[in-house]
Amino acid sequence: MFGFRAGVAILQEELQSAIATLGGQPTSNLSIILQKDIKIGSRTFPKGLVFNTGLDVEKGGTFPLGLNAKATQLAPSPASP
């Protein structure tokens, strides 16, 4: 789960910008534009790259459905027993 939260945090600026661009309209496939180069593993995705996330945003929504703003707040993983 940590990797998911970290991934959302890395793309938070892009998600917020893409949702603002919707102007309150819904979508079932949010498109984002990278605001910075992002390295994932050995691959670097360049600033300006546009890609579809498959995320849904409801009409007037401020965050993708199925996610919540707390997902972007990094927290330590619980300790294993």
N, C-alpha and C. Protein backbone atom coordinates (compact mmCIF):
# COMPACT_ATOMS: atom_id res chain seq x y z
N MET A 1 0.82 -1.20 0.00
CA MET A 1 0.00 0.00 0.00
C MET A 1 0.86 1.25 0.00
N PHE A 2 2.05 1.19 0.59
CA PHE A 2 2.93 2.36 0.62
C PHE A 2 3.24 2.83 -0.80
N GLY A 3 3.54 1.90 -1.70
CA GLY A 3 3.88 2.27 -3.07
C GLY A 3 2.75 3.00 -3.76
N PHE A 4 1.52 2.58 -3.51
CA PHE A 4 0.36 3.24 -4.11
C PHE A 4 0.26 4.67 -3.61
N ARG A 5 0.37 4.84 -2.29
CA ARG A 5 0.27 6.19 -1.73
C ARG A 5 1.39 7.08 -2.24
N ALA A 6 2.58 6.53 -2.34
CA ALA A 6 3.71 7.31 -2.84
C ALA A 6 3.47 7.71 -4.30
N GLY A 7 2.92 6.79 -5.08
CA GLY A 7 2.64 7.08 -6.48
C GLY A 7 1.62 8.19 -6.64
N VAL A 8 0.56 8.14 -5.85
CA VAL A 8 -0.45 9.20 -5.90
C VAL A 8 0.15 10.52 -5.46
N ALA A 9 0.99 10.50 -4.44
CA ALA A 9 1.63 11.73 -3.96
C ALA A 9 2.52 12.34 -5.03
N ILE A 10 3.23 11.51 -5.77
CA ILE A 10 4.11 12.01 -6.84
C ILE A 10 3.30 12.70 -7.92
N LEU A 11 2.10 12.21 -8.19
CA LEU A 11 1.26 12.76 -9.26
C LEU A 11 0.17 13.71 -8.76
N GLN A 12 0.24 14.11 -7.51
CA GLN A 12 -0.82 14.95 -6.94
C GLN A 12 -1.02 16.24 -7.73
N GLU A 13 0.05 16.92 -8.07
CA GLU A 13 -0.05 18.18 -8.83
C GLU A 13 -0.74 17.94 -10.17
N GLU A 14 -0.36 16.88 -10.86
CA GLU A 14 -0.94 16.56 -12.15
C GLU A 14 -2.42 16.21 -12.03
N LEU A 15 -2.77 15.44 -10.99
CA LEU A 15 -4.17 15.07 -10.78
C LEU A 15 -5.02 16.31 -10.52
N GLN A 16 -4.55 17.18 -9.64
CA GLN A 16 -5.31 18.38 -9.31
C GLN A 16 -5.48 19.29 -10.53
N SER A 17 -4.43 19.43 -11.32
CA SER A 17 -4.49 20.25 -12.52
C SER A 17 -5.48 19.67 -13.53
N ALA A 18 -5.42 18.36 -13.74
CA ALA A 18 -6.31 17.71 -14.70
C ALA A 18 -7.77 17.84 -14.27
N ILE A 19 -8.04 17.70 -12.98
CA ILE A 19 -9.41 17.81 -12.48
C ILE A 19 -9.90 19.25 -12.62
N ALA A 20 -9.04 20.22 -12.35
CA ALA A 20 -9.42 21.62 -12.52
C ALA A 20 -9.75 21.92 -13.97
N THR A 21 -9.01 21.32 -14.88
CA THR A 21 -9.23 21.52 -16.33
C THR A 21 -10.60 21.00 -16.75
N LEU A 22 -11.13 20.01 -16.03
CA LEU A 22 -12.45 19.48 -16.36
C LEU A 22 -13.56 20.52 -16.16
N GLY A 23 -13.32 21.53 -15.35
CA GLY A 23 -14.32 22.57 -15.12
C GLY A 23 -15.60 22.04 -14.50
N GLY A 24 -15.49 21.04 -13.64
CA GLY A 24 -16.66 20.51 -12.97
C GLY A 24 -17.37 19.40 -13.73
N GLN A 25 -16.91 19.09 -14.94
CA GLN A 25 -17.52 18.02 -15.73
C GLN A 25 -16.97 16.67 -15.30
N PRO A 26 -17.77 15.62 -15.44
CA PRO A 26 -17.30 14.28 -15.06
C PRO A 26 -16.45 13.65 -16.16
N THR A 27 -15.71 12.63 -15.80
CA THR A 27 -14.96 11.83 -16.78
C THR A 27 -14.82 10.41 -16.26
N SER A 28 -14.64 9.49 -17.18
CA SER A 28 -14.39 8.10 -16.79
C SER A 28 -12.97 7.69 -17.16
N ASN A 29 -12.17 8.67 -17.62
CA ASN A 29 -10.79 8.38 -17.99
C ASN A 29 -9.98 9.68 -17.92
N LEU A 30 -9.60 10.06 -16.71
CA LEU A 30 -8.89 11.32 -16.49
C LEU A 30 -7.54 11.33 -17.21
N SER A 31 -7.33 12.33 -18.05
CA SER A 31 -6.05 12.50 -18.74
C SER A 31 -5.20 13.49 -17.95
N ILE A 32 -3.93 13.13 -17.74
CA ILE A 32 -3.04 14.04 -17.03
C ILE A 32 -1.85 14.39 -17.91
N ILE A 33 -1.26 15.54 -17.63
CA ILE A 33 -0.04 16.00 -18.31
C ILE A 33 1.03 16.10 -17.24
N LEU A 34 2.13 15.40 -17.45
CA LEU A 34 3.21 15.44 -16.46
C LEU A 34 3.81 16.83 -16.37
N GLN A 35 3.93 17.34 -15.15
CA GLN A 35 4.48 18.67 -14.89
C GLN A 35 5.99 18.63 -14.68
N LYS A 36 6.52 17.40 -14.58
CA LYS A 36 7.96 17.22 -14.35
C LYS A 36 8.33 15.84 -14.86
N ASP A 37 9.61 15.62 -15.12
CA ASP A 37 10.08 14.28 -15.46
C ASP A 37 9.86 13.37 -14.25
N ILE A 38 9.38 12.16 -14.50
CA ILE A 38 9.15 11.20 -13.42
C ILE A 38 9.84 9.90 -13.77
N LYS A 39 10.67 9.42 -12.85
CA LYS A 39 11.38 8.16 -13.06
C LYS A 39 10.68 7.06 -12.27
N ILE A 40 10.32 5.99 -12.96
CA ILE A 40 9.70 4.83 -12.33
C ILE A 40 10.54 3.63 -12.74
N GLY A 41 11.21 3.06 -11.77
CA GLY A 41 12.14 1.97 -12.08
C GLY A 41 13.27 2.50 -12.94
N SER A 42 13.49 1.87 -14.07
CA SER A 42 14.56 2.30 -14.97
C SER A 42 14.04 3.19 -16.09
N ARG A 43 12.76 3.50 -16.07
CA ARG A 43 12.15 4.29 -17.16
C ARG A 43 11.84 5.70 -16.68
N THR A 44 12.15 6.68 -17.53
CA THR A 44 11.84 8.07 -17.22
C THR A 44 10.75 8.56 -18.16
N PHE A 45 9.69 9.12 -17.58
CA PHE A 45 8.59 9.69 -18.35
C PHE A 45 8.81 11.20 -18.39
N PRO A 46 8.87 11.80 -19.60
CA PRO A 46 9.23 13.21 -19.71
C PRO A 46 8.10 14.18 -19.37
N LYS A 47 8.50 15.33 -18.87
CA LYS A 47 7.57 16.43 -18.63
C LYS A 47 6.80 16.69 -19.91
N GLY A 48 5.49 16.94 -19.78
CA GLY A 48 4.65 17.23 -20.94
C GLY A 48 3.94 16.01 -21.51
N LEU A 49 4.35 14.81 -21.08
CA LEU A 49 3.70 13.59 -21.56
C LEU A 49 2.25 13.57 -21.11
N VAL A 50 1.35 13.27 -22.02
CA VAL A 50 -0.07 13.17 -21.72
C VAL A 50 -0.44 11.70 -21.72
N PHE A 51 -1.12 11.26 -20.67
CA PHE A 51 -1.60 9.89 -20.69
C PHE A 51 -2.92 9.76 -19.94
N ASN A 52 -3.67 8.75 -20.33
CA ASN A 52 -4.97 8.48 -19.72
C ASN A 52 -4.77 7.59 -18.50
N THR A 53 -5.41 7.96 -17.40
CA THR A 53 -5.24 7.22 -16.15
C THR A 53 -6.30 6.15 -15.95
N GLY A 54 -7.44 6.29 -16.61
CA GLY A 54 -8.55 5.38 -16.37
C GLY A 54 -9.32 5.72 -15.10
N LEU A 55 -8.95 6.81 -14.45
CA LEU A 55 -9.61 7.22 -13.21
C LEU A 55 -10.91 7.96 -13.50
N ASP A 56 -11.91 7.73 -12.67
CA ASP A 56 -13.20 8.40 -12.78
C ASP A 56 -13.24 9.62 -11.87
N VAL A 57 -13.86 10.68 -12.37
CA VAL A 57 -14.11 11.87 -11.55
C VAL A 57 -15.59 12.22 -11.74
N GLU A 58 -16.31 12.34 -10.64
CA GLU A 58 -17.73 12.66 -10.73
C GLU A 58 -17.92 14.15 -11.04
N LYS A 59 -19.12 14.50 -11.49
CA LYS A 59 -19.44 15.89 -11.79
C LYS A 59 -19.21 16.73 -10.54
N GLY A 60 -18.41 17.78 -10.68
CA GLY A 60 -18.09 18.66 -9.56
C GLY A 60 -17.08 18.07 -8.60
N GLY A 61 -16.53 16.89 -8.91
CA GLY A 61 -15.59 16.20 -8.03
C GLY A 61 -14.25 16.92 -7.95
N THR A 62 -13.57 16.72 -6.83
CA THR A 62 -12.27 17.35 -6.63
C THR A 62 -11.15 16.32 -6.49
N PHE A 63 -11.51 15.02 -6.56
CA PHE A 63 -10.52 13.96 -6.48
C PHE A 63 -11.10 12.74 -7.18
N PRO A 64 -10.27 11.90 -7.77
CA PRO A 64 -10.79 10.73 -8.48
C PRO A 64 -11.59 9.81 -7.55
N LEU A 65 -12.66 9.22 -8.09
CA LEU A 65 -13.45 8.26 -7.33
C LEU A 65 -12.59 7.07 -6.96
N GLY A 66 -12.82 6.54 -5.79
CA GLY A 66 -12.05 5.39 -5.33
C GLY A 66 -10.78 5.79 -4.61
N LEU A 67 -10.41 7.04 -4.68
CA LEU A 67 -9.25 7.57 -3.97
C LEU A 67 -9.76 8.65 -3.04
N ASN A 68 -8.97 8.97 -2.03
CA ASN A 68 -9.31 10.12 -1.21
C ASN A 68 -8.05 10.92 -0.96
N ALA A 69 -8.21 12.13 -0.54
CA ALA A 69 -7.07 13.02 -0.36
C ALA A 69 -6.06 12.45 0.63
N LYS A 70 -6.50 11.63 1.57
CA LYS A 70 -5.58 11.04 2.54
C LYS A 70 -4.60 10.09 1.87
N ALA A 71 -4.93 9.58 0.70
CA ALA A 71 -4.03 8.68 -0.01
C ALA A 71 -2.74 9.37 -0.40
N THR A 72 -2.75 10.69 -0.46
CA THR A 72 -1.55 11.43 -0.84
C THR A 72 -0.68 11.79 0.35
N GLN A 73 -1.16 11.54 1.55
CA GLN A 73 -0.38 11.84 2.74
C GLN A 73 0.45 10.62 3.11
N LEU A 74 1.73 10.73 3.00
CA LEU A 74 2.59 9.59 3.28
C LEU A 74 2.63 9.32 4.78
N ALA A 75 2.44 8.09 5.11
CA ALA A 75 2.49 7.67 6.52
C ALA A 75 3.32 6.40 6.59
N PRO A 76 3.98 6.19 7.71
CA PRO A 76 4.76 4.95 7.83
C PRO A 76 3.86 3.73 7.80
N SER A 77 4.34 2.65 7.22
CA SER A 77 3.60 1.39 7.19
C SER A 77 3.57 0.81 8.60
N PRO A 78 2.49 0.14 8.95
CA PRO A 78 2.45 -0.48 10.27
C PRO A 78 3.51 -1.56 10.37
N ALA A 79 4.05 -1.73 11.56
CA ALA A 79 5.10 -2.72 11.78
C ALA A 79 4.52 -4.12 11.67
N SER A 80 5.30 -5.02 11.10
CA SER A 80 4.89 -6.43 11.01
C SER A 80 5.08 -7.10 12.35
N PRO A 81 4.18 -8.05 12.70
CA PRO A 81 4.35 -8.76 13.98
C PRO A 81 5.55 -9.66 13.97
